Amino acid sequence: MHTEAYLPGTHPRALWLRMDSARILKRFFFCEQALIVAQGGWLAAIPQLEVKWGLPRHLWEDSMAADALRERVFELRFPSRLMEAADDAPVVEIFQAAIDAPNAYAFVLSLERVFKPTLASVYQDYLDHADEIADGPSKRFLKVAVEEIQQQLHELAHFAQDLATLDEHGQAAAEAWVASLQARLDAVGGLSLEEPHTAGSAADLPGRTPFQLAQVAARDPRFHLCRYYWPDVIDPTFPYGEGVQLQLRSAVSHFNEAWAVETAGAILQGFAEQLGWEFVHDAARWTYDEARHFRMGYERLTSWGFEPGELPLGTYIYDSAQGQRPVYRLGMLSYFETKNIGKKKGRARAFGEYEDRVSQHDMDFDWADETIHAHYGTKWLNVLRELDPENVPAADDIRARCDQLVAAEIRSATDADRQDIVRVAQAMIDKAQSISRKHPVSDGSGREDVASTPLEP
């Protein structure tokens, strides 16, 4: 019997063919997507400042990894662009259950102890086995993802510790939830390079609490908590101001973009299923940008010497959408992006004249971000209308309704609200003027103006 002889083809590089790699990377994508949606949905219920602006960066980084995974799957499976969990459902459903944590502490603890370590481990496993020549693109973005997750895990440990101090009663439920998730994940074989096996439904996880968006935003008790964060919101006779007052007003406004962080996260979660991955990817960036603006204000105010208890943290814009359909939260965020964008270049110029480089810097970058956000708002409101014209009003009608909702919230202000925020704002103005006298800025004439000198950063 004649036998053909061939050159040897056994080689460590040939562990997976392209469709094998595509199946594994698809599994990773669906798990990442589930955590991105969950993190967005939980932002409004998280009080701690550092967590409220930290998780948006995490979910944006996750979205970059997920987008790279998705595109790589399409490349490897060309021309097919079908993406469905299919045989990966047992493990994907556990990641999707992350959002149903019994409390905010339990959610963050599950990220720290279960989900993010699992992702880091399996990504590293893939890196250890993948062929650097044939699958170099996958190896590059997964290396970045592992590095980012390791940094996230360091931060999540602090986030969980901070949240535990605010919810002592929820700690037992949180520990039980994390244990049940890990047990169920182990039962399906974990998230690995192999297909999972069925081990019961994630729907019956002990402690699972169906997610509901927080209609009242949680707030960090270290700050001065209020409904309206500056007097001019509810008192038209209180000037927006120039000089020191403009510096303060701008920083306080940035700091109060906490509502925008929460709203961006809410719409990310609210429309993820209906609008799909492209929307989730845009909304993840939108959420991260708003978190950066939120942090900008805090950094400026604290650099000038203000303590947390002196800083007003309001809720009225988020409150105004309470009980409304998600489309009005999207409209609210879109409305405020387009409403104020035209003023930002002028304020940046004013801060340049004050020699307040950091306020100028922040406003300049904010303007660039909000031009992107204005596009997001218009784009997705139009898509929603195209998908469901009978139930989604035209964009202009949505914005008009948002204007009505905010106006009603402003009209509901009480005398106590006005007295409270005027007192807080005046104390900040007085302190700022005192600081500015100690740090005079030249007006270019050779003399120093100390009467109403803007604050130096």
Foldseek 3Di string as FASTA:
>chain_A
DDDDDDDDDDDLQPPDDLVLVLLLLLLLLLLLLLQLLLLLQCLQQAADLCSNLVSLVVSLLSLVLSVLSLVSSCVSPPPDNDRDCVLQVLQSQLSNLLNQALGPLLSLVLCLPPRLVLLLVQLVVCLVRHRCVPPVSSNVSSVVVNVSSVVVNVVSVVSSVVVCVVCVVCPVSSVLQSVLSRVSCVQQVHSHSDRTHDDDGPVPRPNGHPDDRDLHGHHHVQAAEAADQALCLQDVVDDCDAFQSVVLSQLLVLLQLSLVLSLLSNLLNQCCVPPHSVLNNLSSVSNNLSSVSNVLSVVVVVVLPDGRHLGYHHDLLSNLCRPHRSLLSLLSSLLVLVVCLVCLQVVLVSCVLLVQNSSNVSSVVNSVSSVSSNVSSQVVLVVVCVVPVVPRDHSVVSNVVSVVSSVVSSVPDDPVSNVVNVVSSVVVSVSQLVSCLVPWDDNPPPDTDNRRRHHHD
